[in-house]
Amino acid sequence: MSLHLDEHQWRYILEDEEQQTSAEQRNAALMHLSHCPQCQSLVEAWRGVERWLQHAPMEAPAPGFTDRWQARLAIHRQRQARKQALIVVGVFILASFSILGLLFYAAWMWLQAAHLTLWVWLYRALELAFSLLSFRESVIAFGRAFMDSIPLIAWLFMVGAMCELLVLWLVSLRVWLLPGRVRR
């Protein structure tokens, strides 16, 4: 058996917290109390303080206590809000300067290699121009091959049909868009 009680045993004895102590701890605490006059005097003193607190008259607060307390609470809340606002602004400024610094660093690195970038852009522009020229040549070659595969009479028929469709489209637009015409 230990010489004095541990924290759980004191809680059982002083606060009656049975749910946090095991039966073994409760029995050990009660057995210890029956043999230890020092712990007995501590328990009796504590119980005397509890009785005194329960029977002590309720004192009214000093005049204006509630108003002073509420004023201090309002000041405390204002200080807390100000602190939080300063922290948010500080983090925002720090993040802004960090991003700005990264942008300046990237711009500086780009300026260091600007001549290389310009050469790359020139190469890409020339590559695009040559690609467009070869595409144009491919379209012309395809058109020539397509035109050679269709006889001249078919071409004349297709051009005539397109002209007729164009005339029909213009007439229908005139009918629909001119005001004062009766629509049927």
N, C-alpha and C. Protein backbone atom coordinates (compact mmCIF):
# COMPACT_ATOMS: atom_id res chain seq x y z
N MET A 1 0.85 -1.17 0.00
CA MET A 1 0.00 0.00 0.00
C MET A 1 0.89 1.23 0.00
N SER A 2 0.52 2.26 -0.84
CA SER A 2 1.32 3.47 -0.90
C SER A 2 1.08 4.31 0.34
N LEU A 3 1.97 5.25 0.59
CA LEU A 3 1.85 6.05 1.80
C LEU A 3 0.70 7.05 1.75
N HIS A 4 0.45 7.64 0.54
CA HIS A 4 -0.64 8.62 0.44
C HIS A 4 -1.46 8.36 -0.82
N LEU A 5 -2.54 9.09 -0.95
CA LEU A 5 -3.49 8.85 -2.04
C LEU A 5 -3.01 9.48 -3.36
N ASP A 6 -3.41 8.84 -4.49
CA ASP A 6 -3.10 9.44 -5.79
C ASP A 6 -4.24 10.36 -6.23
N GLU A 7 -4.11 10.93 -7.41
CA GLU A 7 -5.07 11.93 -7.90
C GLU A 7 -6.49 11.35 -8.02
N HIS A 8 -6.62 10.15 -8.56
CA HIS A 8 -7.95 9.55 -8.74
C HIS A 8 -8.62 9.26 -7.39
N GLN A 9 -7.83 8.81 -6.41
CA GLN A 9 -8.40 8.53 -5.10
C GLN A 9 -8.85 9.82 -4.42
N TRP A 10 -8.08 10.90 -4.57
CA TRP A 10 -8.49 12.18 -4.00
C TRP A 10 -9.78 12.66 -4.66
N ARG A 11 -9.90 12.48 -5.95
CA ARG A 11 -11.13 12.88 -6.63
C ARG A 11 -12.32 12.10 -6.11
N TYR A 12 -12.12 10.83 -5.87
CA TYR A 12 -13.23 10.01 -5.36
C TYR A 12 -13.65 10.52 -3.98
N ILE A 13 -12.68 10.80 -3.13
CA ILE A 13 -12.99 11.18 -1.75
C ILE A 13 -13.56 12.60 -1.69
N LEU A 14 -12.93 13.54 -2.38
CA LEU A 14 -13.31 14.94 -2.24
C LEU A 14 -14.46 15.35 -3.14
N GLU A 15 -14.56 14.78 -4.33
CA GLU A 15 -15.55 15.24 -5.30
C GLU A 15 -16.62 14.19 -5.58
N ASP A 16 -16.50 13.03 -4.99
CA ASP A 16 -17.45 11.94 -5.21
C ASP A 16 -17.59 11.59 -6.69
N GLU A 17 -16.48 11.46 -7.37
CA GLU A 17 -16.50 11.11 -8.80
C GLU A 17 -16.26 9.62 -8.95
N GLU A 18 -17.32 8.86 -8.79
CA GLU A 18 -17.20 7.41 -8.85
C GLU A 18 -16.94 6.91 -10.27
N GLN A 19 -17.38 7.65 -11.29
CA GLN A 19 -17.23 7.15 -12.65
C GLN A 19 -15.76 7.15 -13.10
N GLN A 20 -14.90 7.97 -12.48
CA GLN A 20 -13.51 8.03 -12.93
C GLN A 20 -12.59 7.12 -12.10
N THR A 21 -13.11 6.48 -11.10
CA THR A 21 -12.28 5.62 -10.27
C THR A 21 -12.83 4.20 -10.30
N SER A 22 -11.92 3.27 -10.23
CA SER A 22 -12.35 1.87 -10.22
C SER A 22 -12.67 1.45 -8.79
N ALA A 23 -13.32 0.32 -8.66
CA ALA A 23 -13.68 -0.18 -7.32
C ALA A 23 -12.43 -0.46 -6.50
N GLU A 24 -11.41 -0.91 -7.15
CA GLU A 24 -10.15 -1.21 -6.47
C GLU A 24 -9.54 0.07 -5.90
N GLN A 25 -9.57 1.18 -6.73
CA GLN A 25 -9.02 2.45 -6.26
C GLN A 25 -9.85 3.01 -5.10
N ARG A 26 -11.18 2.88 -5.18
CA ARG A 26 -12.05 3.37 -4.10
C ARG A 26 -11.77 2.62 -2.79
N ASN A 27 -11.65 1.31 -2.89
CA ASN A 27 -11.38 0.51 -1.68
C ASN A 27 -10.02 0.86 -1.10
N ALA A 28 -9.04 1.05 -1.97
CA ALA A 28 -7.70 1.41 -1.49
C ALA A 28 -7.72 2.78 -0.81
N ALA A 29 -8.50 3.73 -1.38
CA ALA A 29 -8.58 5.07 -0.79
C ALA A 29 -9.24 5.02 0.58
N LEU A 30 -10.35 4.27 0.70
CA LEU A 30 -11.04 4.19 1.98
C LEU A 30 -10.19 3.48 3.04
N MET A 31 -9.46 2.47 2.63
CA MET A 31 -8.60 1.75 3.56
C MET A 31 -7.46 2.66 4.02
N HIS A 32 -6.91 3.45 3.07
CA HIS A 32 -5.83 4.35 3.42
C HIS A 32 -6.33 5.41 4.41
N LEU A 33 -7.53 5.93 4.16
CA LEU A 33 -8.08 6.96 5.05
C LEU A 33 -8.31 6.42 6.47
N SER A 34 -8.65 5.16 6.57
CA SER A 34 -8.90 4.60 7.91
C SER A 34 -7.61 4.48 8.72
N HIS A 35 -6.42 4.49 8.07
CA HIS A 35 -5.15 4.30 8.78
C HIS A 35 -4.28 5.55 8.79
N CYS A 36 -4.57 6.57 7.97
CA CYS A 36 -3.65 7.72 7.84
C CYS A 36 -4.28 8.97 8.46
N PRO A 37 -3.79 9.42 9.62
CA PRO A 37 -4.36 10.60 10.26
C PRO A 37 -4.11 11.89 9.46
N GLN A 38 -2.99 11.97 8.75
CA GLN A 38 -2.69 13.17 7.96
C GLN A 38 -3.73 13.34 6.84
N CYS A 39 -4.07 12.27 6.11
CA CYS A 39 -5.06 12.34 5.03
C CYS A 39 -6.46 12.55 5.63
N GLN A 40 -6.71 11.96 6.81
CA GLN A 40 -8.01 12.18 7.46
C GLN A 40 -8.20 13.66 7.80
N SER A 41 -7.15 14.30 8.31
CA SER A 41 -7.27 15.72 8.67
C SER A 41 -7.44 16.58 7.41
N LEU A 42 -6.80 16.20 6.31
CA LEU A 42 -6.98 16.95 5.05
C LEU A 42 -8.42 16.82 4.55
N VAL A 43 -8.98 15.64 4.61
CA VAL A 43 -10.35 15.42 4.14
C VAL A 43 -11.32 16.19 5.03
N GLU A 44 -11.12 16.13 6.36
CA GLU A 44 -12.00 16.86 7.27
C GLU A 44 -11.90 18.37 7.04
N ALA A 45 -10.71 18.87 6.79
CA ALA A 45 -10.53 20.31 6.53
C ALA A 45 -11.25 20.70 5.23
N TRP A 46 -11.09 19.87 4.22
CA TRP A 46 -11.75 20.17 2.94
C TRP A 46 -13.28 20.17 3.09
N ARG A 47 -13.79 19.20 3.79
CA ARG A 47 -15.24 19.12 4.00
C ARG A 47 -15.74 20.30 4.84
N GLY A 48 -14.91 20.78 5.77
CA GLY A 48 -15.26 21.96 6.55
C GLY A 48 -15.33 23.20 5.66
N VAL A 49 -14.39 23.32 4.74
CA VAL A 49 -14.41 24.45 3.80
C VAL A 49 -15.65 24.38 2.93
N GLU A 50 -16.00 23.19 2.45
CA GLU A 50 -17.20 23.03 1.62
C GLU A 50 -18.45 23.43 2.39
N ARG A 51 -18.55 23.00 3.69
CA ARG A 51 -19.71 23.36 4.51
C ARG A 51 -19.78 24.88 4.71
N TRP A 52 -18.62 25.49 4.97
CA TRP A 52 -18.59 26.94 5.17
C TRP A 52 -19.05 27.67 3.90
N LEU A 53 -18.58 27.21 2.72
CA LEU A 53 -18.98 27.85 1.47
C LEU A 53 -20.47 27.67 1.20
N GLN A 54 -21.02 26.53 1.55
CA GLN A 54 -22.45 26.29 1.31
C GLN A 54 -23.33 27.15 2.21
N HIS A 55 -22.86 27.44 3.42
CA HIS A 55 -23.68 28.19 4.38
C HIS A 55 -23.30 29.67 4.45
N ALA A 56 -22.31 30.10 3.72
CA ALA A 56 -21.89 31.50 3.75
C ALA A 56 -22.96 32.36 3.07
N PRO A 57 -23.20 33.55 3.61
CA PRO A 57 -24.21 34.41 2.99
C PRO A 57 -23.72 34.92 1.63
N MET A 58 -24.69 35.12 0.73
CA MET A 58 -24.37 35.60 -0.61
C MET A 58 -24.14 37.11 -0.53
N GLU A 59 -22.98 37.55 -0.98
CA GLU A 59 -22.65 38.96 -0.96
C GLU A 59 -23.07 39.61 -2.27
N ALA A 60 -23.60 40.77 -2.18
CA ALA A 60 -23.96 41.53 -3.39
C ALA A 60 -22.70 42.17 -3.96
N PRO A 61 -22.60 42.27 -5.27
CA PRO A 61 -21.41 42.91 -5.84
C PRO A 61 -21.41 44.40 -5.54
N ALA A 62 -20.23 44.98 -5.59
CA ALA A 62 -20.08 46.42 -5.35
C ALA A 62 -20.90 47.19 -6.38
N PRO A 63 -21.38 48.38 -6.01
CA PRO A 63 -22.17 49.17 -6.97
C PRO A 63 -21.36 49.46 -8.23
N GLY A 64 -22.00 49.26 -9.40
CA GLY A 64 -21.35 49.52 -10.69
C GLY A 64 -20.44 48.41 -11.17
N PHE A 65 -20.40 47.30 -10.42
CA PHE A 65 -19.52 46.20 -10.81
C PHE A 65 -19.87 45.67 -12.20
N THR A 66 -21.16 45.44 -12.44
CA THR A 66 -21.59 44.88 -13.72
C THR A 66 -21.24 45.82 -14.86
N ASP A 67 -21.47 47.12 -14.65
CA ASP A 67 -21.14 48.09 -15.70
C ASP A 67 -19.65 48.12 -15.98
N ARG A 68 -18.83 48.12 -14.91
CA ARG A 68 -17.37 48.12 -15.10
C ARG A 68 -16.92 46.85 -15.81
N TRP A 69 -17.51 45.71 -15.40
CA TRP A 69 -17.12 44.44 -16.02
C TRP A 69 -17.50 44.42 -17.50
N GLN A 70 -18.70 44.89 -17.84
CA GLN A 70 -19.12 44.91 -19.24
C GLN A 70 -18.27 45.87 -20.05
N ALA A 71 -17.87 47.00 -19.47
CA ALA A 71 -16.99 47.95 -20.18
C ALA A 71 -15.64 47.31 -20.44
N ARG A 72 -15.09 46.62 -19.44
CA ARG A 72 -13.80 45.94 -19.64
C ARG A 72 -13.92 44.84 -20.70
N LEU A 73 -15.04 44.12 -20.66
CA LEU A 73 -15.26 43.07 -21.66
C LEU A 73 -15.34 43.66 -23.06
N ALA A 74 -16.03 44.79 -23.21
CA ALA A 74 -16.13 45.43 -24.53
C ALA A 74 -14.75 45.88 -25.01
N ILE A 75 -13.95 46.46 -24.10
CA ILE A 75 -12.59 46.89 -24.47
C ILE A 75 -11.74 45.69 -24.86
N HIS A 76 -11.88 44.61 -24.10
CA HIS A 76 -11.12 43.39 -24.41
C HIS A 76 -11.51 42.85 -25.79
N ARG A 77 -12.81 42.83 -26.08
CA ARG A 77 -13.26 42.34 -27.39
C ARG A 77 -12.77 43.23 -28.51
N GLN A 78 -12.77 44.55 -28.30
CA GLN A 78 -12.25 45.46 -29.32
C GLN A 78 -10.78 45.21 -29.58
N ARG A 79 -10.02 44.99 -28.52
CA ARG A 79 -8.58 44.70 -28.68
C ARG A 79 -8.37 43.40 -29.44
N GLN A 80 -9.17 42.39 -29.09
CA GLN A 80 -9.06 41.11 -29.79
C GLN A 80 -9.40 41.27 -31.27
N ALA A 81 -10.47 42.02 -31.56
CA ALA A 81 -10.86 42.23 -32.96
C ALA A 81 -9.77 42.99 -33.70
N ARG A 82 -9.18 43.99 -33.05
CA ARG A 82 -8.10 44.77 -33.67
C ARG A 82 -6.88 43.87 -33.93
N LYS A 83 -6.56 43.01 -32.96
CA LYS A 83 -5.44 42.08 -33.16
C LYS A 83 -5.68 41.16 -34.35
N GLN A 84 -6.90 40.61 -34.42
CA GLN A 84 -7.22 39.72 -35.53
C GLN A 84 -7.17 40.45 -36.86
N ALA A 85 -7.67 41.68 -36.89
CA ALA A 85 -7.63 42.46 -38.13
C ALA A 85 -6.19 42.73 -38.53
N LEU A 86 -5.33 43.08 -37.58
CA LEU A 86 -3.92 43.34 -37.89
C LEU A 86 -3.23 42.07 -38.39
N ILE A 87 -3.58 40.94 -37.82
CA ILE A 87 -2.98 39.68 -38.28
C ILE A 87 -3.41 39.39 -39.71
N VAL A 88 -4.70 39.55 -40.01
CA VAL A 88 -5.19 39.30 -41.37
C VAL A 88 -4.52 40.25 -42.36
N VAL A 89 -4.44 41.54 -42.01
CA VAL A 89 -3.80 42.51 -42.91
C VAL A 89 -2.33 42.18 -43.08
N GLY A 90 -1.68 41.81 -41.98
CA GLY A 90 -0.27 41.45 -42.06
C GLY A 90 -0.01 40.24 -42.96
N VAL A 91 -0.85 39.23 -42.82
CA VAL A 91 -0.70 38.04 -43.67
C VAL A 91 -0.95 38.41 -45.13
N PHE A 92 -1.96 39.24 -45.37
CA PHE A 92 -2.26 39.67 -46.74
C PHE A 92 -1.09 40.45 -47.33
N ILE A 93 -0.52 41.37 -46.57
CA ILE A 93 0.62 42.16 -47.06
C ILE A 93 1.81 41.25 -47.31
N LEU A 94 2.07 40.33 -46.40
CA LEU A 94 3.18 39.39 -46.58
C LEU A 94 2.99 38.54 -47.83
N ALA A 95 1.78 38.04 -48.03
CA ALA A 95 1.51 37.23 -49.22
C ALA A 95 1.64 38.08 -50.49
N SER A 96 1.16 39.31 -50.43
CA SER A 96 1.26 40.19 -51.60
C SER A 96 2.71 40.46 -51.96
N PHE A 97 3.52 40.78 -50.95
CA PHE A 97 4.93 41.05 -51.23
C PHE A 97 5.65 39.79 -51.70
N SER A 98 5.26 38.64 -51.18
CA SER A 98 5.87 37.38 -51.64
C SER A 98 5.56 37.14 -53.11
N ILE A 99 4.30 37.31 -53.48
CA ILE A 99 3.91 37.11 -54.88
C ILE A 99 4.60 38.13 -55.77
N LEU A 100 4.63 39.39 -55.31
CA LEU A 100 5.29 40.43 -56.09
C LEU A 100 6.78 40.13 -56.25
N GLY A 101 7.40 39.63 -55.19
CA GLY A 101 8.81 39.25 -55.27
C GLY A 101 9.04 38.13 -56.27
N LEU A 102 8.16 37.14 -56.26
CA LEU A 102 8.28 36.04 -57.22
C LEU A 102 8.12 36.54 -58.66
N LEU A 103 7.17 37.47 -58.84
CA LEU A 103 6.98 38.04 -60.19
C LEU A 103 8.20 38.82 -60.64
N PHE A 104 8.78 39.63 -59.75
CA PHE A 104 10.00 40.37 -60.09
C PHE A 104 11.15 39.42 -60.39
N TYR A 105 11.24 38.34 -59.62
CA TYR A 105 12.29 37.37 -59.87
C TYR A 105 12.11 36.72 -61.25
N ALA A 106 10.87 36.35 -61.57
CA ALA A 106 10.61 35.75 -62.88
C ALA A 106 10.90 36.74 -64.00
N ALA A 107 10.52 38.02 -63.80
CA ALA A 107 10.80 39.03 -64.82
C ALA A 107 12.29 39.23 -64.97
N TRP A 108 13.02 39.23 -63.86
CA TRP A 108 14.47 39.41 -63.92
C TRP A 108 15.12 38.24 -64.65
N MET A 109 14.66 37.04 -64.35
CA MET A 109 15.23 35.88 -65.04
C MET A 109 14.89 35.92 -66.53
N TRP A 110 13.69 36.40 -66.87
CA TRP A 110 13.31 36.50 -68.28
C TRP A 110 14.16 37.54 -68.98
N LEU A 111 14.43 38.67 -68.30
CA LEU A 111 15.26 39.70 -68.90
C LEU A 111 16.70 39.23 -69.08
N GLN A 112 17.16 38.38 -68.18
CA GLN A 112 18.51 37.83 -68.31
C GLN A 112 18.63 36.97 -69.56
N ALA A 113 17.53 36.29 -69.90
CA ALA A 113 17.54 35.40 -71.06
C ALA A 113 16.64 35.94 -72.16
N ALA A 114 16.50 37.27 -72.25
CA ALA A 114 15.58 37.86 -73.22
C ALA A 114 16.02 37.57 -74.65
N HIS A 115 17.33 37.65 -74.90
CA HIS A 115 17.79 37.40 -76.27
C HIS A 115 17.47 35.97 -76.70
N LEU A 116 17.58 35.01 -75.77
CA LEU A 116 17.21 33.63 -76.11
C LEU A 116 15.72 33.52 -76.39
N THR A 117 14.92 34.21 -75.60
CA THR A 117 13.47 34.18 -75.80
C THR A 117 13.10 34.78 -77.15
N LEU A 118 13.75 35.87 -77.51
CA LEU A 118 13.46 36.49 -78.80
C LEU A 118 13.83 35.56 -79.96
N TRP A 119 14.95 34.85 -79.83
CA TRP A 119 15.34 33.91 -80.88
C TRP A 119 14.33 32.76 -80.99
N VAL A 120 13.85 32.31 -79.84
CA VAL A 120 12.85 31.23 -79.85
C VAL A 120 11.58 31.71 -80.52
N TRP A 121 11.13 32.95 -80.17
CA TRP A 121 9.93 33.49 -80.81
C TRP A 121 10.10 33.65 -82.31
N LEU A 122 11.26 34.11 -82.74
CA LEU A 122 11.53 34.27 -84.17
C LEU A 122 11.49 32.91 -84.87
N TYR A 123 12.10 31.91 -84.24
CA TYR A 123 12.08 30.57 -84.81
C TYR A 123 10.64 30.06 -84.93
N ARG A 124 9.82 30.26 -83.87
CA ARG A 124 8.43 29.81 -83.92
C ARG A 124 7.63 30.56 -84.99
N ALA A 125 7.88 31.85 -85.17
CA ALA A 125 7.16 32.62 -86.18
C ALA A 125 7.53 32.11 -87.58
N LEU A 126 8.82 31.86 -87.81
CA LEU A 126 9.23 31.33 -89.11
C LEU A 126 8.66 29.93 -89.33
N GLU A 127 8.67 29.14 -88.31
CA GLU A 127 8.10 27.79 -88.42
C GLU A 127 6.61 27.86 -88.76
N LEU A 128 5.87 28.79 -88.15
CA LEU A 128 4.46 28.96 -88.45
C LEU A 128 4.26 29.43 -89.89
N ALA A 129 5.10 30.38 -90.33
CA ALA A 129 4.97 30.88 -91.71
C ALA A 129 5.21 29.75 -92.71
N PHE A 130 6.25 28.96 -92.49
CA PHE A 130 6.52 27.85 -93.41
C PHE A 130 5.41 26.81 -93.36
N SER A 131 4.84 26.59 -92.19
CA SER A 131 3.73 25.65 -92.07
C SER A 131 2.53 26.15 -92.86
N LEU A 132 2.22 27.45 -92.74
CA LEU A 132 1.10 28.01 -93.50
C LEU A 132 1.34 27.94 -95.00
N LEU A 133 2.58 28.19 -95.42
CA LEU A 133 2.90 28.10 -96.85
C LEU A 133 2.73 26.67 -97.37
N SER A 134 3.21 25.72 -96.59
CA SER A 134 3.06 24.33 -97.04
C SER A 134 1.60 23.91 -97.02
N PHE A 135 0.80 24.40 -96.07
CA PHE A 135 -0.63 24.12 -96.04
C PHE A 135 -1.30 24.71 -97.27
N ARG A 136 -0.94 25.95 -97.62
CA ARG A 136 -1.51 26.60 -98.82
C ARG A 136 -1.19 25.79 -100.07
N GLU A 137 0.05 25.34 -100.17
CA GLU A 137 0.44 24.54 -101.33
C GLU A 137 -0.33 23.21 -101.36
N SER A 138 -0.56 22.62 -100.18
CA SER A 138 -1.31 21.37 -100.12
C SER A 138 -2.75 21.59 -100.57
N VAL A 139 -3.37 22.70 -100.14
CA VAL A 139 -4.75 23.00 -100.53
C VAL A 139 -4.84 23.22 -102.03
N ILE A 140 -3.85 23.95 -102.59
CA ILE A 140 -3.86 24.20 -104.04
C ILE A 140 -3.69 22.89 -104.80
N ALA A 141 -2.79 22.03 -104.35
CA ALA A 141 -2.57 20.75 -105.03
C ALA A 141 -3.83 19.88 -104.94
N PHE A 142 -4.48 19.88 -103.76
CA PHE A 142 -5.72 19.12 -103.61
C PHE A 142 -6.80 19.68 -104.53
N GLY A 143 -6.92 21.01 -104.59
CA GLY A 143 -7.91 21.64 -105.46
C GLY A 143 -7.68 21.29 -106.91
N ARG A 144 -6.44 21.33 -107.35
CA ARG A 144 -6.15 20.98 -108.75
C ARG A 144 -6.49 19.52 -109.02
N ALA A 145 -6.13 18.64 -108.10
CA ALA A 145 -6.44 17.22 -108.30
C ALA A 145 -7.94 17.00 -108.31
N PHE A 146 -8.67 17.70 -107.45
CA PHE A 146 -10.12 17.58 -107.39
C PHE A 146 -10.76 18.13 -108.67
N MET A 147 -10.27 19.27 -109.13
CA MET A 147 -10.83 19.87 -110.36
C MET A 147 -10.54 19.01 -111.59
N ASP A 148 -9.37 18.39 -111.61
CA ASP A 148 -9.03 17.53 -112.75
C ASP A 148 -9.86 16.25 -112.75
N SER A 149 -10.32 15.82 -111.58
CA SER A 149 -11.07 14.56 -111.54
C SER A 149 -12.54 14.74 -111.94
N ILE A 150 -13.05 16.00 -111.90
CA ILE A 150 -14.45 16.24 -112.27
C ILE A 150 -14.47 16.86 -113.67
N PRO A 151 -15.31 16.34 -114.59
CA PRO A 151 -15.34 16.89 -115.95
C PRO A 151 -15.91 18.32 -115.96
N LEU A 152 -15.62 19.06 -117.04
CA LEU A 152 -16.01 20.46 -117.17
C LEU A 152 -17.52 20.62 -117.15
N ILE A 153 -18.25 19.74 -117.76
CA ILE A 153 -19.71 19.84 -117.79
C ILE A 153 -20.31 19.75 -116.39
N ALA A 154 -19.72 18.92 -115.53
CA ALA A 154 -20.20 18.80 -114.15
C ALA A 154 -19.96 20.10 -113.40
N TRP A 155 -18.79 20.74 -113.66
CA TRP A 155 -18.48 22.03 -113.02
C TRP A 155 -19.50 23.09 -113.44
N LEU A 156 -19.81 23.12 -114.74
CA LEU A 156 -20.79 24.09 -115.23
C LEU A 156 -22.17 23.84 -114.59
N PHE A 157 -22.54 22.59 -114.45
CA PHE A 157 -23.82 22.25 -113.82
C PHE A 157 -23.84 22.70 -112.35
N MET A 158 -22.74 22.46 -111.62
CA MET A 158 -22.67 22.85 -110.20
C MET A 158 -22.70 24.37 -110.05
N VAL A 159 -22.00 25.11 -110.91
CA VAL A 159 -22.00 26.57 -110.82
C VAL A 159 -23.40 27.09 -111.13
N GLY A 160 -24.08 26.52 -112.13
CA GLY A 160 -25.45 26.93 -112.45
C GLY A 160 -26.40 26.65 -111.30
N ALA A 161 -26.29 25.51 -110.66
CA ALA A 161 -27.15 25.17 -109.53
C ALA A 161 -26.90 26.12 -108.37
N MET A 162 -25.65 26.48 -108.13
CA MET A 162 -25.33 27.42 -107.05
C MET A 162 -25.92 28.79 -107.34
N CYS A 163 -25.87 29.23 -108.60
CA CYS A 163 -26.46 30.51 -108.98
C CYS A 163 -27.97 30.50 -108.75
N GLU A 164 -28.63 29.40 -109.13
CA GLU A 164 -30.07 29.30 -108.91
C GLU A 164 -30.41 29.35 -107.42
N LEU A 165 -29.65 28.66 -106.59
CA LEU A 165 -29.88 28.68 -105.14
C LEU A 165 -29.67 30.08 -104.57
N LEU A 166 -28.68 30.81 -105.12
CA LEU A 166 -28.41 32.17 -104.66
C LEU A 166 -29.58 33.08 -105.00
N VAL A 167 -30.12 32.95 -106.21
CA VAL A 167 -31.26 33.77 -106.61
C VAL A 167 -32.47 33.44 -105.74
N LEU A 168 -32.74 32.18 -105.48
CA LEU A 168 -33.86 31.80 -104.62
C LEU A 168 -33.69 32.36 -103.20
N TRP A 169 -32.49 32.36 -102.70
CA TRP A 169 -32.22 32.87 -101.35
C TRP A 169 -32.48 34.37 -101.30
N LEU A 170 -31.99 35.11 -102.33
CA LEU A 170 -32.21 36.56 -102.36
C LEU A 170 -33.70 36.90 -102.46
N VAL A 171 -34.44 36.15 -103.27
CA VAL A 171 -35.88 36.41 -103.40
C VAL A 171 -36.59 36.12 -102.08
N SER A 172 -36.25 35.04 -101.43
CA SER A 172 -36.90 34.74 -100.14
C SER A 172 -36.56 35.78 -99.09
N LEU A 173 -35.35 36.31 -99.08
CA LEU A 173 -35.00 37.38 -98.16
C LEU A 173 -35.83 38.63 -98.43
N ARG A 174 -36.00 38.96 -99.70
CA ARG A 174 -36.78 40.14 -100.07
C ARG A 174 -38.22 39.98 -99.61
N VAL A 175 -38.79 38.81 -99.78
CA VAL A 175 -40.18 38.58 -99.40
C VAL A 175 -40.32 38.70 -97.88
N TRP A 176 -39.40 38.17 -97.14
CA TRP A 176 -39.52 38.15 -95.68
C TRP A 176 -39.16 39.48 -95.03
N LEU A 177 -38.26 40.23 -95.65
CA LEU A 177 -37.77 41.44 -95.00
C LEU A 177 -38.47 42.72 -95.41
N LEU A 178 -39.10 42.76 -96.56
CA LEU A 178 -39.76 44.01 -96.99
C LEU A 178 -41.08 44.17 -96.24
N PRO A 179 -41.31 45.36 -95.64
CA PRO A 179 -42.57 45.57 -94.93
C PRO A 179 -43.70 45.83 -95.92
N GLY A 180 -44.91 45.60 -95.49
CA GLY A 180 -46.08 45.86 -96.31
C GLY A 180 -46.46 44.72 -97.23
N ARG A 181 -45.71 43.70 -97.28
CA ARG A 181 -46.05 42.55 -98.12
C ARG A 181 -46.95 41.62 -97.31
N VAL A 182 -47.89 41.08 -97.96
CA VAL A 182 -48.79 40.13 -97.33
C VAL A 182 -48.12 38.77 -97.36
N ARG A 183 -48.05 38.16 -96.21
CA ARG A 183 -47.43 36.83 -96.15
C ARG A 183 -48.50 35.78 -96.17
N ARG A 184 -48.29 34.77 -96.92
CA ARG A 184 -49.29 33.69 -97.02
C ARG A 184 -48.78 32.45 -96.35
